Amino acid sequence: MATYIKNDADLRKFVEQISKSMKTPIKKALEEVAEIVKEMWKAHLMEYWYDVYNPTQYDRTYETLESIVKTDVVENNGRFLVYIHYDTDLINRYTYAHHEPDAMPYIVEEGDGLTTGHPQASHAMERTVEWLEQKRVFENTVREYIKKEMHINVQIM
């Protein structure tokens, strides 16, 4: 069925309809992307922090790894928001006697060079952002959801 646009009011109405119909696919795509990013961040942390160093003075708890979480996707002022972050409340204060749990994300990402004995910083968050951009994960996932849910083939140039 064709849509006829005769004036500015018709155009605004059409754009509003399209915008409303795209909210669900975009929100679903963002939920999927957030989960992918969280898992890739954990994989980078595992590869560049946990796998390169085996402690001899303590047993690993993997609390810092498991503290990477994501929020639900919410709409705020016409924008969708989701946060993927270290939740330091999930890091036991008694596990890291030599550091405050709030400092652990910084230490694993940037290193401290002194007290952990760890040879390098992981830069896991930075690596994940680079991977996300290189693979165009968000763009590709949104495109697939629009194609699946709305039957519109979107070409990203």
C-alpha atoms as a PDB file:
ATOM      1  CA  MET A   1       0.000   0.000   0.000  1.00  0.00           C
ATOM      2  CA  ALA A   2       1.417   3.365  -1.006  1.00  0.00           C
ATOM      3  CA  THR A   3       1.641   6.326   1.336  1.00  0.00           C
ATOM      4  CA  TYR A   4       0.867   9.679  -0.199  1.00  0.00           C
ATOM      5  CA  ILE A   5       2.461  12.735   1.336  1.00  0.00           C
ATOM      6  CA  LYS A   6       0.818  15.940   0.214  1.00  0.00           C
ATOM      7  CA  ASN A   7       2.184  18.478   2.676  1.00  0.00           C
ATOM      8  CA  ASP A   8       4.418  19.037   5.702  1.00  0.00           C
ATOM      9  CA  ALA A   9       1.760  17.795   8.114  1.00  0.00           C
ATOM     10  CA  ASP A  10       1.498  14.498   6.215  1.00  0.00           C
ATOM     11  CA  LEU A  11       5.281  14.179   6.221  1.00  0.00           C
ATOM     12  CA  ARG A  12       5.498  14.805   9.989  1.00  0.00           C
ATOM     13  CA  LYS A  13       2.742  12.249  10.600  1.00  0.00           C
ATOM     14  CA  PHE A  14       4.505   9.667   8.415  1.00  0.00           C
ATOM     15  CA  VAL A  15       7.871  10.211  10.134  1.00  0.00           C
ATOM     16  CA  GLU A  16       6.175   9.938  13.547  1.00  0.00           C
ATOM     17  CA  GLN A  17       4.557   6.631  12.554  1.00  0.00           C
ATOM     18  CA  ILE A  18       7.866   5.240  11.320  1.00  0.00           C
ATOM     19  CA  SER A  19       9.629   6.421  14.489  1.00  0.00           C
ATOM     20  CA  LYS A  20       7.065   4.735  16.739  1.00  0.00           C
ATOM     21  CA  SER A  21       7.185   1.484  14.790  1.00  0.00           C
ATOM     22  CA  MET A  22      10.990   1.394  15.000  1.00  0.00           C
ATOM     23  CA  LYS A  23      11.157   1.744  18.792  1.00  0.00           C
ATOM     24  CA  THR A  24      10.591  -1.924  19.563  1.00  0.00           C
ATOM     25  CA  PRO A  25      13.138  -3.303  17.066  1.00  0.00           C
ATOM     26  CA  ILE A  26      15.725  -0.749  18.151  1.00  0.00           C
ATOM     27  CA  LYS A  27      15.159  -1.507  21.851  1.00  0.00           C
ATOM     28  CA  LYS A  28      15.402  -5.259  21.213  1.00  0.00           C
ATOM     29  CA  ALA A  29      18.548  -4.762  19.161  1.00  0.00           C
ATOM     30  CA  LEU A  30      20.095  -2.631  21.881  1.00  0.00           C
ATOM     31  CA  GLU A  31      19.285  -5.299  24.493  1.00  0.00           C
ATOM     32  CA  GLU A  32      21.046  -7.874  22.323  1.00  0.00           C
ATOM     33  CA  VAL A  33      24.021  -5.598  21.656  1.00  0.00           C
ATOM     34  CA  ALA A  34      24.381  -4.845  25.374  1.00  0.00           C
ATOM     35  CA  GLU A  35      24.524  -8.563  26.156  1.00  0.00           C
ATOM     36  CA  ILE A  36      27.078  -9.119  23.369  1.00  0.00           C
ATOM     37  CA  VAL A  37      29.212  -6.229  24.624  1.00  0.00           C
ATOM     38  CA  LYS A  38      29.063  -7.481  28.228  1.00  0.00           C
ATOM     39  CA  GLU A  39      30.185 -10.954  27.167  1.00  0.00           C
ATOM     40  CA  MET A  40      32.952  -9.607  24.904  1.00  0.00           C
ATOM     41  CA  TRP A  41      34.180  -7.326  27.690  1.00  0.00           C
ATOM     42  CA  LYS A  42      34.345 -10.353  29.988  1.00  0.00           C
ATOM     43  CA  ALA A  43      36.181 -12.339  27.299  1.00  0.00           C
ATOM     44  CA  HIS A  44      38.733  -9.544  26.869  1.00  0.00           C
ATOM     45  CA  LEU A  45      39.187  -9.290  30.638  1.00  0.00           C
ATOM     46  CA  MET A  46      39.685 -13.033  30.843  1.00  0.00           C
ATOM     47  CA  GLU A  47      42.195 -13.063  27.978  1.00  0.00           C
ATOM     48  CA  TYR A  48      44.203  -9.961  28.922  1.00  0.00           C
ATOM     49  CA  TRP A  49      44.023 -10.091  32.726  1.00  0.00           C
ATOM     50  CA  TYR A  50      43.170 -13.483  34.153  1.00  0.00           C
ATOM     51  CA  ASP A  51      44.844 -15.726  31.559  1.00  0.00           C
ATOM     52  CA  VAL A  52      48.204 -13.900  31.546  1.00  0.00           C
ATOM     53  CA  TYR A  53      48.913 -14.211  35.246  1.00  0.00           C
ATOM     54  CA  ASN A  54      48.495 -17.017  37.751  1.00  0.00           C
ATOM     55  CA  PRO A  55      48.652 -15.817  41.336  1.00  0.00           C
ATOM     56  CA  THR A  56      50.643 -17.831  43.838  1.00  0.00           C
ATOM     57  CA  GLN A  57      49.737 -15.976  47.024  1.00  0.00           C
ATOM     58  CA  TYR A  58      45.933 -16.176  46.782  1.00  0.00           C
ATOM     59  CA  ASP A  59      43.079 -18.041  45.126  1.00  0.00           C
ATOM     60  CA  ARG A  60      41.129 -16.320  42.402  1.00  0.00           C
ATOM     61  CA  THR A  61      37.495 -15.466  43.096  1.00  0.00           C
ATOM     62  CA  TYR A  62      36.691 -13.967  39.666  1.00  0.00           C
ATOM     63  CA  GLU A  63      34.557 -11.382  41.470  1.00  0.00           C
ATOM     64  CA  THR A  64      35.898  -8.551  39.324  1.00  0.00           C
ATOM     65  CA  LEU A  65      35.062 -10.500  36.163  1.00  0.00           C
ATOM     66  CA  GLU A  66      31.564 -11.290  37.414  1.00  0.00           C
ATOM     67  CA  SER A  67      31.022  -7.676  38.457  1.00  0.00           C
ATOM     68  CA  ILE A  68      30.649  -6.652  34.803  1.00  0.00           C
ATOM     69  CA  VAL A  69      26.892  -6.177  34.463  1.00  0.00           C
ATOM     70  CA  LYS A  70      24.368  -4.418  32.265  1.00  0.00           C
ATOM     71  CA  THR A  71      21.224  -2.520  33.120  1.00  0.00           C
ATOM     72  CA  ASP A  72      17.875  -2.915  31.418  1.00  0.00           C
ATOM     73  CA  VAL A  73      17.348  -0.766  28.336  1.00  0.00           C
ATOM     74  CA  VAL A  74      15.246   2.280  29.194  1.00  0.00           C
ATOM     75  CA  GLU A  75      13.853   5.083  27.104  1.00  0.00           C
ATOM     76  CA  ASN A  76      14.617   8.586  28.305  1.00  0.00           C
ATOM     77  CA  ASN A  77      13.647  11.719  26.362  1.00  0.00           C
ATOM     78  CA  GLY A  78      13.363   9.794  23.112  1.00  0.00           C
ATOM     79  CA  ARG A  79      16.702   8.023  23.562  1.00  0.00           C
ATOM     80  CA  PHE A  80      17.393   4.477  24.610  1.00  0.00           C
ATOM     81  CA  LEU A  81      19.945   3.995  27.356  1.00  0.00           C
ATOM     82  CA  VAL A  82      21.731   0.957  28.705  1.00  0.00           C
ATOM     83  CA  TYR A  83      24.753   0.881  30.962  1.00  0.00           C
ATOM     84  CA  ILE A  84      27.394  -1.824  30.976  1.00  0.00           C
ATOM     85  CA  HIS A  85      29.771  -1.379  33.866  1.00  0.00           C
ATOM     86  CA  TYR A  86      31.669  -2.815  36.790  1.00  0.00           C
ATOM     87  CA  ASP A  87      29.302  -3.111  39.751  1.00  0.00           C
ATOM     88  CA  THR A  88      31.754  -2.837  42.634  1.00  0.00           C
ATOM     89  CA  ASP A  89      29.024  -3.823  45.109  1.00  0.00           C
ATOM     90  CA  LEU A  90      29.541  -7.358  43.755  1.00  0.00           C
ATOM     91  CA  ILE A  91      33.193  -7.337  44.808  1.00  0.00           C
ATOM     92  CA  ASN A  92      33.711  -8.573  48.359  1.00  0.00           C
ATOM     93  CA  ARG A  93      35.515  -5.997  50.492  1.00  0.00           C
ATOM     94  CA  TYR A  94      37.388  -8.746  52.341  1.00  0.00           C
ATOM     95  CA  THR A  95      38.650 -10.452  49.189  1.00  0.00           C
ATOM     96  CA  TYR A  96      40.907  -7.555  48.281  1.00  0.00           C
ATOM     97  CA  ALA A  97      42.578  -6.654  51.564  1.00  0.00           C
ATOM     98  CA  HIS A  98      45.242  -4.625  49.740  1.00  0.00           C
ATOM     99  CA  HIS A  99      42.743  -2.612  47.626  1.00  0.00           C
ATOM    100  CA  GLU A 100      39.321  -1.087  47.987  1.00  0.00           C
ATOM    101  CA  PRO A 101      36.808  -2.886  45.716  1.00  0.00           C
ATOM    102  CA  ASP A 102      35.997   0.461  44.076  1.00  0.00           C
ATOM    103  CA  ALA A 103      39.612   0.590  42.856  1.00  0.00           C
ATOM    104  CA  MET A 104      39.604  -2.862  41.253  1.00  0.00           C
ATOM    105  CA  PRO A 105      38.024  -1.832  37.918  1.00  0.00           C
ATOM    106  CA  TYR A 106      40.682   0.840  37.495  1.00  0.00           C
ATOM    107  CA  ILE A 107      43.465  -1.560  38.480  1.00  0.00           C
ATOM    108  CA  VAL A 108      42.401  -4.313  36.063  1.00  0.00           C
ATOM    109  CA  GLU A 109      41.794  -1.834  33.242  1.00  0.00           C
ATOM    110  CA  GLU A 110      44.783   0.480  33.728  1.00  0.00           C
ATOM    111  CA  GLY A 111      47.086  -1.428  36.086  1.00  0.00           C
ATOM    112  CA  ASP A 112      48.728  -0.187  39.256  1.00  0.00           C
ATOM    113  CA  GLY A 113      52.270  -1.336  38.596  1.00  0.00           C
ATOM    114  CA  LEU A 114      53.001  -2.135  42.212  1.00  0.00           C
ATOM    115  CA  THR A 115      50.808  -4.124  44.553  1.00  0.00           C
ATOM    116  CA  THR A 116      48.948  -6.702  42.484  1.00  0.00           C
ATOM    117  CA  GLY A 117      52.024  -8.320  41.028  1.00  0.00           C
ATOM    118  CA  HIS A 118      50.173  -8.428  37.730  1.00  0.00           C
ATOM    119  CA  PRO A 119      52.421  -7.810  34.713  1.00  0.00           C
ATOM    120  CA  GLN A 120      50.065  -5.595  32.699  1.00  0.00           C
ATOM    121  CA  ALA A 121      46.789  -3.712  32.514  1.00  0.00           C
ATOM    122  CA  SER A 122      44.000  -5.446  30.617  1.00  0.00           C
ATOM    123  CA  HIS A 123      42.498  -2.471  28.765  1.00  0.00           C
ATOM    124  CA  ALA A 124      39.499  -4.795  28.366  1.00  0.00           C
ATOM    125  CA  MET A 125      36.959  -1.984  28.111  1.00  0.00           C
ATOM    126  CA  GLU A 126      39.016  -0.144  25.489  1.00  0.00           C
ATOM    127  CA  ARG A 127      39.556  -3.366  23.523  1.00  0.00           C
ATOM    128  CA  THR A 128      35.810  -4.044  23.619  1.00  0.00           C
ATOM    129  CA  VAL A 129      34.961  -0.577  22.287  1.00  0.00           C
ATOM    130  CA  GLU A 130      37.482  -1.022  19.459  1.00  0.00           C
ATOM    131  CA  TRP A 131      36.016  -4.438  18.628  1.00  0.00           C
ATOM    132  CA  LEU A 132      32.471  -3.026  18.737  1.00  0.00           C
ATOM    133  CA  GLU A 133      33.391  -0.279  16.272  1.00  0.00           C
ATOM    134  CA  GLN A 134      35.446  -2.493  13.950  1.00  0.00           C
ATOM    135  CA  LYS A 135      32.754  -5.154  13.689  1.00  0.00           C
ATOM    136  CA  ARG A 136      29.931  -2.570  13.509  1.00  0.00           C
ATOM    137  CA  VAL A 137      28.022  -4.715  15.983  1.00  0.00           C
ATOM    138  CA  PHE A 138      25.380  -2.127  16.830  1.00  0.00           C
ATOM    139  CA  GLU A 139      24.684  -1.151  13.222  1.00  0.00           C
ATOM    140  CA  ASN A 140      24.492  -4.734  12.029  1.00  0.00           C
ATOM    141  CA  THR A 141      22.240  -5.845  14.881  1.00  0.00           C
ATOM    142  CA  VAL A 142      19.817  -2.929  14.415  1.00  0.00           C
ATOM    143  CA  ARG A 143      19.733  -3.581  10.680  1.00  0.00           C
ATOM    144  CA  GLU A 144      18.864  -7.255  11.258  1.00  0.00           C
ATOM    145  CA  TYR A 145      16.100  -6.406  13.732  1.00  0.00           C
ATOM    146  CA  ILE A 146      14.541  -3.860  11.372  1.00  0.00           C
ATOM    147  CA  LYS A 147      14.672  -6.402   8.569  1.00  0.00           C
ATOM    148  CA  LYS A 148      13.172  -9.136  10.756  1.00  0.00           C
ATOM    149  CA  GLU A 149      10.512  -7.075  12.567  1.00  0.00           C
ATOM    150  CA  MET A 150       9.567  -4.519   9.921  1.00  0.00           C
ATOM    151  CA  HIS A 151      10.547  -6.307   6.719  1.00  0.00           C
ATOM    152  CA  ILE A 152      12.664  -3.359   5.636  1.00  0.00           C
ATOM    153  CA  ASN A 153      16.087  -4.011   4.190  1.00  0.00           C
ATOM    154  CA  VAL A 154      18.470  -1.327   5.414  1.00  0.00           C
ATOM    155  CA  GLN A 155      21.812  -0.863   3.705  1.00  0.00           C
ATOM    156  CA  ILE A 156      24.511   0.760   5.823  1.00  0.00           C
ATOM    157  CA  MET A 157      27.169   2.413   3.703  1.00  0.00           C
END
